[in-house]
Amino acid sequence: MTAAAKQLNRVNPLVWVLLIAFSIRLLLPLIAFIFTKELAIFYGGDTASYLVPAKELLRSGRYMTGGFPEIFRAPGYSLLLIPGIISNRLELVMVALQIGFSCLTVYLVFKLALLVFNNNKIAIICAWLYALEPLSIVYAGKILTETAFTTFLMAFLYYFLVYLNKRSLISLLAAAVMLVAATYVRPIAYYLPFLFTLILVVFAIAKFPNKKTILIHALIFFSISMGSMYLWNIRNKIVAGYSGFSSVTEVNLYYWHAAAVLTAKPGTNFHGQQAMLREQLQKALPPEAFQGKNIAHICACAPDYGSPIVLKYMREEAKKIIFSHPFSYLKLRLNGMVNILFNSTPWPYLTLMNYYKIGGFTQIANAYETEFFRNGWLAGMSYYLNKTPATVRITWLILQVNLLIYWCLTLIALPSKFFIKNTPALILITLASYFVIITGGPEGGSSRYRHPIMPIICIVAGYGLYFILEKFKEKFNRETR
């Protein structure tokens, strides 16, 4: 063996994982741009709703959209966009930043796996699985919240587990800061301070000898995390008369949840129901309730989702519709939870390669969503398989085969002792369950909501792959003796 080969063998395997992860995440958007020569491939349907208030923040020093305070989007991701806006190289800066975030998440998967298994080989396998995971690769090249949110979330989880291991208040404070950052990027994490404070209280009572100290630490964690988040509630109340953290709650409840429930009626389609709800909203309220012309989140959004009057109507009307169809809504949520875990969405990959423009797949997506909401997740998968163009169908099949491999490895690992009695592993699974439950429903039609769960799936699947490799190794050693 040459000296160079020996030197390569001495390189930490984690370095190779990170180099491969970086190379894949760099090459995909680079090749896509070289072939398409269009910057629009890096955008998604939600990008403008973060970009507009970020530009206004730079221009006026106020977080606004259309001349009115922005309450639909929390400011976290908009702040991340500012360096790219200032440099006039938004796409280059953001893709580079998100490649860095995604590689950092690969590293955090390694560190989390070490905390769970205390085995370097298993941790390396887990990192490999996330380095090659399609959702994390494609969203690194999209100017959307997925990559940054997942990085902050995994950093929070890492510091929280370090605290449980070492009882270091500094680690718990770092966890609180990372959780706040994640929530300001995507409000879906808003209720995690309650869940993880409860976890701390349970552990203080059940396991830790210094119960009083841990309970004080739990109070500090909750105060910092929830208190920092609630500051944005206060800001929204002062500037817009809205007491929530983000009006995305009301918009989703009205235009997604209520519309999805109504879609179950024969002869309707999802986008048609959204349009009907928008028309109903405009007829129900006086014209002065609709202030300004905010950037619409989806084609059927209210003209102004920043008006407390509009938001109150949307919230109350959506509740009426949902409570009038409780069993339909329960079915919708259960199907959404399953769909998040077991179905893939081909659109991010196809838009990145410019096979479809942003919004160019509306007709196909509407038909899929209608089928999914009306007949469940299996019907949605059948639609992809039988009723979509060949490129869409093939892309979906490739993604499904990949996802199936990850799930087979996961299901092999779950019954093991590491996931029955291992405290860090149980906390990982609890966090994954939170996202499945919260985003189950209409949002479950898109695999983007599985993005923050995939690092945890990779950690579990990594043990499954290690288990298989060890069994083959044992068999090989027996047969060659």
Protein backbone atom coordinates (compact mmCIF):
# COMPACT_ATOMS: atom_id res chain seq x y z
CA MET A 1 0.00 0.00 0.00
CA THR A 2 1.39 3.42 -0.96
CA ALA A 3 1.93 6.22 1.53
CA ALA A 4 -0.89 8.21 -0.07
CA ALA A 5 -3.30 5.29 0.28
CA LYS A 6 -2.32 4.83 3.93
CA GLN A 7 -2.91 8.54 4.49
CA LEU A 8 -6.38 8.27 2.93
CA ASN A 9 -7.20 5.30 5.15
CA ARG A 10 -6.33 7.40 8.19
CA VAL A 11 -8.85 10.12 7.25
CA ASN A 12 -11.79 10.26 9.65
CA PRO A 13 -14.77 8.54 7.93
CA LEU A 14 -16.95 11.47 8.94
CA VAL A 15 -14.83 13.72 6.71
CA TRP A 16 -15.71 11.52 3.72
CA VAL A 17 -19.40 11.64 4.62
CA LEU A 18 -19.35 15.44 4.82
CA LEU A 19 -17.40 15.75 1.57
CA ILE A 20 -19.89 13.55 -0.28
CA ALA A 21 -22.83 15.38 1.30
CA PHE A 22 -21.35 18.73 0.26
CA SER A 23 -20.55 17.54 -3.27
CA ILE A 24 -24.05 16.19 -3.95
CA ARG A 25 -25.75 19.29 -2.57
CA LEU A 26 -23.48 21.53 -4.62
CA LEU A 27 -23.61 19.56 -7.88
CA LEU A 28 -27.40 19.17 -8.11
CA PRO A 29 -28.28 22.91 -8.17
CA LEU A 30 -25.14 23.69 -10.18
CA ILE A 31 -25.98 21.15 -12.91
CA ALA A 32 -29.63 22.23 -12.84
CA PHE A 33 -28.65 25.87 -13.44
CA ILE A 34 -26.11 25.00 -16.15
CA PHE A 35 -28.76 23.07 -18.09
CA THR A 36 -31.71 25.41 -17.48
CA LYS A 37 -29.95 28.78 -17.16
CA GLU A 38 -32.90 29.98 -15.08
CA LEU A 39 -32.69 31.36 -11.55
CA ALA A 40 -36.42 30.67 -11.06
CA ILE A 41 -35.63 26.98 -10.48
CA PHE A 42 -34.37 27.90 -6.99
CA TYR A 43 -37.71 29.40 -5.99
CA GLY A 44 -40.84 27.80 -4.59
CA GLY A 45 -44.43 28.90 -4.26
CA ASP A 46 -43.77 30.30 -0.76
CA THR A 47 -40.52 32.15 -1.54
CA ALA A 48 -42.14 35.52 -2.34
CA SER A 49 -43.99 35.60 1.00
CA TYR A 50 -40.61 35.64 2.78
CA LEU A 51 -38.77 37.79 0.25
CA VAL A 52 -41.21 40.73 0.11
CA PRO A 53 -41.15 41.53 3.87
CA ALA A 54 -37.36 41.00 3.94
CA LYS A 55 -36.93 43.68 1.25
CA GLU A 56 -39.32 45.99 3.08
CA LEU A 57 -37.39 45.44 6.31
CA LEU A 58 -34.22 46.57 4.53
CA ARG A 59 -35.95 49.53 2.91
CA SER A 60 -37.92 50.92 5.83
CA GLY A 61 -36.68 49.08 8.91
CA ARG A 62 -40.18 47.65 9.42
CA TYR A 63 -41.35 44.08 8.83
CA MET A 64 -44.23 44.74 6.44
CA THR A 65 -45.94 43.54 3.28
CA GLY A 66 -48.05 45.73 1.01
CA GLY A 67 -47.86 48.65 3.43
CA PHE A 68 -49.22 46.67 6.39
CA PRO A 69 -47.46 44.81 9.23
CA GLU A 70 -46.50 41.27 8.19
CA ILE A 71 -48.09 38.72 10.51
CA PHE A 72 -48.41 35.78 8.13
CA ARG A 73 -44.69 34.96 8.15
CA ALA A 74 -42.53 35.00 11.26
CA PRO A 75 -39.29 36.91 10.54
CA GLY A 76 -36.70 34.15 10.94
CA TYR A 77 -36.28 33.07 7.32
CA SER A 78 -36.72 36.60 5.99
CA LEU A 79 -33.73 37.65 8.11
CA LEU A 80 -31.67 34.86 6.57
CA LEU A 81 -32.51 36.25 3.11
CA ILE A 82 -31.09 39.71 3.86
CA PRO A 83 -27.38 38.99 3.07
CA GLY A 84 -28.42 37.66 -0.34
CA ILE A 85 -30.63 40.70 -1.00
CA ILE A 86 -27.88 43.13 0.01
CA SER A 87 -25.31 41.40 -2.20
CA ASN A 88 -27.78 41.25 -5.11
CA ARG A 89 -26.89 37.56 -5.38
CA LEU A 90 -29.85 36.10 -3.54
CA GLU A 91 -29.86 32.70 -5.25
CA LEU A 92 -26.09 32.18 -4.94
CA VAL A 93 -25.92 33.28 -1.31
CA MET A 94 -28.97 31.35 -0.15
CA VAL A 95 -28.11 28.11 -1.93
CA ALA A 96 -24.55 28.32 -0.54
CA LEU A 97 -25.89 29.05 2.95
CA GLN A 98 -28.36 26.20 2.78
CA ILE A 99 -25.73 23.76 1.52
CA GLY A 100 -23.78 24.69 4.65
CA PHE A 101 -26.88 24.23 6.82
CA SER A 102 -27.62 20.84 5.26
CA CYS A 103 -24.05 19.61 5.77
CA LEU A 104 -24.23 20.82 9.36
CA THR A 105 -27.38 18.72 9.77
CA VAL A 106 -25.44 15.69 8.49
CA TYR A 107 -22.89 16.36 11.23
CA LEU A 108 -25.65 16.77 13.82
CA VAL A 109 -27.14 13.43 12.75
CA PHE A 110 -23.73 11.88 13.48
CA LYS A 111 -23.53 13.57 16.90
CA LEU A 112 -27.10 12.62 17.80
CA ALA A 113 -26.50 9.01 16.78
CA LEU A 114 -23.42 8.96 19.03
CA LEU A 115 -25.56 10.11 21.94
CA VAL A 116 -28.16 7.44 21.19
CA PHE A 117 -25.89 4.45 20.45
CA ASN A 118 -22.47 5.41 21.83
CA ASN A 119 -21.03 3.66 18.78
CA ASN A 120 -18.98 5.50 16.16
CA LYS A 121 -19.69 2.96 13.37
CA ILE A 122 -23.46 3.27 13.76
CA ALA A 123 -23.19 7.07 13.89
CA ILE A 124 -21.22 7.10 10.63
CA ILE A 125 -23.85 4.91 8.94
CA CYS A 126 -26.60 7.26 10.14
CA ALA A 127 -24.70 10.25 8.75
CA TRP A 128 -24.25 8.42 5.41
CA LEU A 129 -27.97 7.79 5.17
CA TYR A 130 -28.77 11.46 5.72
CA ALA A 131 -26.02 12.59 3.36
CA LEU A 132 -27.77 10.63 0.58
CA GLU A 133 -31.36 11.46 1.61
CA PRO A 134 -33.26 13.02 -1.36
CA LEU A 135 -35.41 15.55 0.54
CA SER A 136 -32.42 17.08 2.29
CA ILE A 137 -30.52 17.25 -1.01
CA VAL A 138 -33.20 18.91 -3.14
CA TYR A 139 -34.36 21.45 -0.55
CA ALA A 140 -30.81 22.71 -0.06
CA GLY A 141 -31.26 24.18 -3.54
CA LYS A 142 -34.67 25.72 -2.87
CA ILE A 143 -35.13 29.16 -1.30
CA LEU A 144 -37.58 27.79 1.25
CA THR A 145 -37.53 27.25 5.00
CA GLU A 146 -37.05 23.47 5.12
CA THR A 147 -33.25 23.30 5.33
CA ALA A 148 -32.69 26.07 7.88
CA PHE A 149 -35.56 24.88 10.05
CA THR A 150 -34.29 21.29 10.17
CA THR A 151 -30.78 22.43 11.08
CA PHE A 152 -31.98 24.58 13.98
CA LEU A 153 -34.32 21.80 15.10
CA MET A 154 -31.56 19.17 15.15
CA ALA A 155 -29.24 21.59 16.96
CA PHE A 156 -31.97 22.06 19.58
CA LEU A 157 -32.38 18.30 19.93
CA TYR A 158 -28.63 17.75 20.23
CA TYR A 159 -28.16 20.32 23.00
CA PHE A 160 -31.24 19.03 24.81
CA LEU A 161 -29.86 15.48 24.85
CA VAL A 162 -26.45 16.76 25.94
CA TYR A 163 -28.19 18.45 28.86
CA LEU A 164 -29.89 15.20 29.88
CA ASN A 165 -26.51 13.50 29.75
CA LYS A 166 -24.41 16.11 31.55
CA ARG A 167 -26.98 18.29 33.41
CA SER A 168 -25.22 21.38 32.01
CA LEU A 169 -27.41 24.48 32.17
CA ILE A 170 -25.37 26.02 29.32
CA SER A 171 -26.47 23.17 27.06
CA LEU A 172 -30.10 23.66 28.03
CA LEU A 173 -29.85 27.39 27.32
CA ALA A 174 -28.33 26.61 23.92
CA ALA A 175 -31.23 24.22 23.28
CA ALA A 176 -33.71 26.98 24.12
CA VAL A 177 -32.00 29.42 21.75
CA MET A 178 -31.97 26.88 18.90
CA LEU A 179 -35.65 26.09 19.47
CA VAL A 180 -36.54 29.79 19.34
CA ALA A 181 -34.56 30.17 16.11
CA ALA A 182 -36.36 27.16 14.59
CA THR A 183 -39.77 28.53 15.56
CA TYR A 184 -39.09 31.96 14.06
CA VAL A 185 -38.19 30.18 10.83
CA ARG A 186 -41.28 27.93 10.90
CA PRO A 187 -44.02 28.37 13.54
CA ILE A 188 -44.82 24.64 13.54
CA ALA A 189 -42.37 24.29 16.47
CA TYR A 190 -44.32 26.78 18.60
CA TYR A 191 -45.66 24.17 21.04
CA LEU A 192 -42.40 22.30 21.57
CA PRO A 193 -41.46 24.29 24.73
CA PHE A 194 -44.52 22.76 26.43
CA LEU A 195 -43.65 19.23 25.29
CA PHE A 196 -39.97 19.36 26.22
CA THR A 197 -40.58 21.14 29.52
CA LEU A 198 -42.96 18.27 30.35
CA ILE A 199 -40.19 15.82 29.41
CA LEU A 200 -37.82 17.59 31.80
CA VAL A 201 -40.39 17.49 34.60
CA VAL A 202 -41.06 13.77 34.05
CA PHE A 203 -37.35 13.00 34.07
CA ALA A 204 -36.82 15.12 37.18
CA ILE A 205 -39.49 13.17 39.02
CA ALA A 206 -38.62 9.71 37.69
CA LYS A 207 -34.87 9.59 37.18
CA PHE A 208 -32.80 12.50 38.48
CA PRO A 209 -31.74 12.60 42.14
CA ASN A 210 -31.42 16.42 42.25
CA LYS A 211 -35.07 16.99 41.41
CA LYS A 212 -35.26 20.60 42.60
CA THR A 213 -32.37 21.71 40.39
CA ILE A 214 -33.81 20.01 37.29
CA LEU A 215 -37.24 21.55 37.92
CA ILE A 216 -35.64 25.00 38.17
CA HIS A 217 -33.78 24.31 34.93
CA ALA A 218 -37.05 23.26 33.32
CA LEU A 219 -38.62 26.55 34.38
CA ILE A 220 -35.67 28.48 32.95
CA PHE A 221 -35.88 26.56 29.66
CA PHE A 222 -39.61 27.22 29.32
CA SER A 223 -39.29 30.88 30.27
CA ILE A 224 -36.54 31.57 27.73
CA SER A 225 -37.99 29.54 24.85
CA MET A 226 -41.69 30.35 25.25
CA GLY A 227 -41.00 33.88 26.44
CA SER A 228 -38.88 34.68 23.39
CA MET A 229 -41.57 33.31 21.10
CA TYR A 230 -44.36 35.16 22.88
CA LEU A 231 -42.59 38.45 22.22
CA TRP A 232 -43.71 38.06 18.60
CA ASN A 233 -47.31 37.54 19.76
CA ILE A 234 -47.02 40.83 21.62
CA ARG A 235 -45.55 42.56 18.56
CA ASN A 236 -48.39 41.26 16.37
CA LYS A 237 -50.98 42.48 18.89
CA ILE A 238 -49.43 45.95 19.03
CA VAL A 239 -48.94 46.53 15.30
CA ALA A 240 -51.88 44.58 13.86
CA GLY A 241 -54.35 43.76 16.63
CA TYR A 242 -53.66 40.04 16.11
CA SER A 243 -52.75 38.05 19.22
CA GLY A 244 -51.32 34.93 17.54
CA PHE A 245 -47.75 34.09 16.56
CA SER A 246 -48.52 33.70 12.84
CA SER A 247 -51.72 34.07 10.85
CA VAL A 248 -50.67 31.03 8.83
CA THR A 249 -52.76 29.17 11.42
CA GLU A 250 -56.01 30.78 10.29
CA VAL A 251 -55.14 30.67 6.60
CA ASN A 252 -54.32 26.95 6.73
CA LEU A 253 -57.38 26.19 8.82
CA TYR A 254 -59.70 27.93 6.34
CA TYR A 255 -58.12 27.35 2.94
CA TRP A 256 -56.68 23.89 3.61
CA HIS A 257 -58.43 22.10 6.44
CA ALA A 258 -61.97 23.37 5.84
CA ALA A 259 -61.55 23.20 2.06
CA ALA A 260 -60.24 19.64 2.33
CA VAL A 261 -63.26 18.60 4.39
CA LEU A 262 -65.60 20.10 1.78
CA THR A 263 -63.69 18.39 -1.03
CA ALA A 264 -65.07 15.06 0.16
CA LYS A 265 -68.41 16.02 -1.41
CA PRO A 266 -69.07 14.39 -4.82
CA GLY A 267 -68.52 16.61 -7.84
CA THR A 268 -66.10 19.01 -6.14
CA ASN A 269 -62.36 19.59 -6.38
CA PHE A 270 -59.92 21.09 -3.92
CA HIS A 271 -59.04 24.32 -5.73
CA GLY A 272 -62.72 24.85 -6.53
CA GLN A 273 -63.55 24.63 -2.82
CA GLN A 274 -60.76 27.09 -2.00
CA ALA A 275 -62.15 29.53 -4.57
CA MET A 276 -65.65 29.08 -3.13
CA LEU A 277 -64.40 29.84 0.39
CA ARG A 278 -62.63 32.96 -0.86
CA GLU A 279 -65.81 34.18 -2.55
CA GLN A 280 -67.80 33.41 0.60
CA LEU A 281 -65.30 35.37 2.69
CA GLN A 282 -65.48 38.43 0.44
CA LYS A 283 -69.31 38.40 0.52
CA ALA A 284 -69.49 37.93 4.29
CA LEU A 285 -67.35 40.94 5.25
CA PRO A 286 -67.48 44.62 4.27
CA PRO A 287 -64.89 45.90 1.72
CA GLU A 288 -63.08 47.94 4.37
CA ALA A 289 -62.13 44.69 6.15
CA PHE A 290 -59.76 43.86 3.30
CA GLN A 291 -56.78 46.17 3.66
CA GLY A 292 -54.01 46.39 1.09
CA LYS A 293 -52.87 43.84 -1.42
CA ASN A 294 -50.62 41.37 0.33
CA ILE A 295 -48.72 38.73 -1.61
CA ALA A 296 -51.00 35.70 -1.73
CA HIS A 297 -49.68 32.52 -0.15
CA ILE A 298 -51.76 30.39 -2.49
CA CYS A 299 -54.03 31.34 -5.37
CA ALA A 300 -57.14 31.14 -3.20
CA CYS A 301 -55.88 33.18 -0.24
CA ALA A 302 -57.83 36.11 1.10
CA PRO A 303 -56.83 39.48 -0.40
CA ASP A 304 -55.52 40.43 3.01
CA TYR A 305 -54.54 37.86 5.59
CA GLY A 306 -53.28 40.61 7.92
CA SER A 307 -56.68 41.91 8.97
CA PRO A 308 -57.87 40.66 12.40
CA ILE A 309 -61.48 40.85 11.20
CA VAL A 310 -60.74 38.60 8.23
CA LEU A 311 -58.68 36.19 10.33
CA LYS A 312 -61.37 35.92 12.99
CA TYR A 313 -63.98 35.10 10.36
CA MET A 314 -61.69 32.49 8.76
CA ARG A 315 -60.99 30.84 12.11
CA GLU A 316 -64.63 30.69 13.21
CA GLU A 317 -66.01 29.58 9.84
CA ALA A 318 -63.35 26.87 9.50
CA LYS A 319 -64.24 25.53 12.94
CA LYS A 320 -67.92 25.38 11.99
CA ILE A 321 -67.13 23.38 8.85
CA ILE A 322 -64.77 21.01 10.66
CA PHE A 323 -67.08 20.42 13.63
CA SER A 324 -69.95 19.77 11.23
CA HIS A 325 -67.95 16.93 9.65
CA PRO A 326 -65.97 15.42 12.55
CA PHE A 327 -65.53 11.95 11.08
CA SER A 328 -64.43 13.31 7.69
CA TYR A 329 -61.89 15.50 9.46
CA LEU A 330 -60.61 12.62 11.60
CA LYS A 331 -60.19 10.51 8.47
CA LEU A 332 -58.40 13.41 6.79
CA ARG A 333 -55.95 13.78 9.66
CA LEU A 334 -55.20 10.06 9.88
CA ASN A 335 -54.60 9.87 6.14
CA GLY A 336 -52.38 12.93 6.30
CA MET A 337 -50.27 11.40 9.06
CA VAL A 338 -49.76 8.21 7.07
CA ASN A 339 -49.10 10.12 3.87
CA ILE A 340 -46.39 12.27 5.46
CA LEU A 341 -44.50 9.13 6.37
CA PHE A 342 -45.01 6.94 3.32
CA ASN A 343 -45.60 9.09 0.25
CA SER A 344 -43.22 11.24 -1.80
CA THR A 345 -43.83 14.43 -3.76
CA PRO A 346 -41.98 14.72 -7.10
CA TRP A 347 -42.52 18.47 -7.62
CA PRO A 348 -39.40 19.87 -5.88
CA TYR A 349 -37.17 17.71 -8.08
CA LEU A 350 -39.06 18.45 -11.29
CA THR A 351 -39.15 22.21 -10.73
CA LEU A 352 -35.45 22.28 -9.87
CA MET A 353 -34.72 20.64 -13.22
CA ASN A 354 -37.21 23.06 -14.83
CA TYR A 355 -39.40 20.25 -16.11
CA TYR A 356 -42.23 22.24 -14.57
CA LYS A 357 -42.28 25.98 -13.84
CA ILE A 358 -43.33 27.18 -10.40
CA GLY A 359 -47.06 26.59 -10.33
CA GLY A 360 -46.91 24.82 -13.69
CA PHE A 361 -48.10 21.57 -12.15
CA THR A 362 -51.24 23.15 -10.64
CA GLN A 363 -53.66 21.04 -12.65
CA ILE A 364 -51.96 17.75 -11.75
CA ALA A 365 -51.52 18.80 -8.11
CA ASN A 366 -55.18 19.80 -7.84
CA ALA A 367 -56.29 16.41 -9.18
CA TYR A 368 -53.92 14.61 -6.78
CA GLU A 369 -55.05 16.65 -3.76
CA THR A 370 -58.71 16.09 -4.62
CA GLU A 371 -58.14 12.34 -4.88
CA PHE A 372 -56.11 12.28 -1.66
CA PHE A 373 -58.66 14.27 0.37
CA ARG A 374 -61.62 12.33 -0.98
CA ASN A 375 -60.34 8.75 -0.94
CA GLY A 376 -57.22 8.65 1.24
CA TRP A 377 -53.48 8.24 0.90
CA LEU A 378 -53.59 5.00 -1.09
CA ALA A 379 -55.80 6.68 -3.68
CA GLY A 380 -53.31 9.53 -3.85
CA MET A 381 -50.45 7.12 -4.46
CA SER A 382 -52.52 5.33 -7.08
CA TYR A 383 -53.08 8.65 -8.82
CA TYR A 384 -49.31 9.26 -9.10
CA LEU A 385 -48.81 5.74 -10.39
CA ASN A 386 -51.61 5.64 -12.97
CA LYS A 387 -52.74 9.13 -13.94
CA THR A 388 -49.68 11.36 -14.21
CA PRO A 389 -47.23 11.97 -17.10
CA ALA A 390 -44.35 9.51 -17.42
CA THR A 391 -41.72 11.87 -16.00
CA VAL A 392 -43.82 12.55 -12.92
CA ARG A 393 -44.61 8.86 -12.46
CA ILE A 394 -40.97 7.72 -12.86
CA THR A 395 -39.69 10.42 -10.49
CA TRP A 396 -42.30 9.40 -7.92
CA LEU A 397 -41.41 5.70 -8.26
CA ILE A 398 -37.69 6.37 -7.75
CA LEU A 399 -38.44 8.41 -4.65
CA GLN A 400 -40.81 5.74 -3.34
CA VAL A 401 -38.25 2.95 -3.74
CA ASN A 402 -35.70 5.06 -1.86
CA LEU A 403 -38.21 5.82 0.90
CA LEU A 404 -39.17 2.15 1.13
CA ILE A 405 -35.52 1.21 1.74
CA TYR A 406 -35.26 3.74 4.56
CA TRP A 407 -38.48 2.47 6.12
CA CYS A 408 -37.46 -1.19 5.88
CA LEU A 409 -34.25 -0.35 7.74
CA THR A 410 -36.25 1.67 10.28
CA LEU A 411 -38.74 -1.13 10.94
CA ILE A 412 -35.86 -3.58 11.46
CA ALA A 413 -34.37 -1.27 14.09
CA LEU A 414 -37.45 -0.16 16.06
CA PRO A 415 -38.04 -3.42 18.03
CA SER A 416 -34.44 -3.44 19.33
CA LYS A 417 -33.44 -2.55 22.87
CA PHE A 418 -32.07 0.81 21.74
CA PHE A 419 -35.56 2.03 20.92
CA ILE A 420 -37.49 0.41 23.74
CA LYS A 421 -35.41 1.39 26.77
CA ASN A 422 -33.04 4.04 25.39
CA THR A 423 -34.01 7.50 26.69
CA PRO A 424 -32.43 9.61 23.89
CA ALA A 425 -34.00 7.34 21.25
CA LEU A 426 -37.44 7.70 22.85
CA ILE A 427 -37.07 11.49 22.82
CA LEU A 428 -36.15 11.40 19.11
CA ILE A 429 -39.23 9.32 18.36
CA THR A 430 -41.38 11.67 20.49
CA LEU A 431 -40.19 14.66 18.46
CA ALA A 432 -40.87 12.86 15.17
CA SER A 433 -44.35 11.92 16.41
CA TYR A 434 -45.06 15.56 17.26
CA PHE A 435 -44.46 16.63 13.66
CA VAL A 436 -46.46 13.74 12.25
CA ILE A 437 -49.45 14.57 14.47
CA ILE A 438 -49.30 18.36 14.05
CA THR A 439 -48.87 18.33 10.28
CA GLY A 440 -51.18 15.39 9.68
CA GLY A 441 -54.15 16.44 7.59
CA PRO A 442 -54.17 18.45 4.34
CA GLU A 443 -50.52 19.38 4.78
CA GLY A 444 -49.72 15.67 4.73
CA GLY A 445 -50.26 15.70 0.98
CA SER A 446 -46.74 17.09 0.55
CA SER A 447 -43.57 15.29 1.59
CA ARG A 448 -41.91 18.62 2.45
CA TYR A 449 -43.49 18.22 5.89
CA ARG A 450 -41.47 15.03 6.35
CA HIS A 451 -38.24 17.01 5.94
CA PRO A 452 -37.64 17.70 9.68
CA ILE A 453 -38.43 14.07 10.50
CA MET A 454 -35.93 12.57 8.05
CA PRO A 455 -32.82 13.04 10.27
CA ILE A 456 -34.56 11.02 12.97
CA ILE A 457 -35.63 8.34 10.48
CA CYS A 458 -32.01 8.17 9.27
CA ILE A 459 -30.76 7.67 12.83
CA VAL A 460 -33.18 4.79 13.41
CA ALA A 461 -32.57 3.34 9.94
CA GLY A 462 -28.82 3.62 10.52
CA TYR A 463 -29.07 1.14 13.36
CA GLY A 464 -31.17 -1.15 11.15
CA LEU A 465 -28.47 -1.13 8.46
CA TYR A 466 -25.75 -1.71 11.08
CA PHE A 467 -27.75 -4.66 12.45
CA ILE A 468 -28.01 -6.22 8.97
CA LEU A 469 -24.30 -5.70 8.26
CA GLU A 470 -23.33 -7.29 11.57
CA LYS A 471 -25.51 -10.32 10.86
CA PHE A 472 -23.87 -10.76 7.45
CA LYS A 473 -20.45 -10.35 9.06
CA GLU A 474 -21.21 -13.02 11.65
CA LYS A 475 -22.48 -15.39 8.97
CA PHE A 476 -19.42 -14.78 6.79
CA ASN A 477 -17.07 -15.40 9.73
CA ARG A 478 -18.83 -18.68 10.58
CA GLU A 479 -18.68 -19.91 7.00
CA THR A 480 -14.98 -19.05 6.53
CA ARG A 481 -13.64 -20.61 9.70
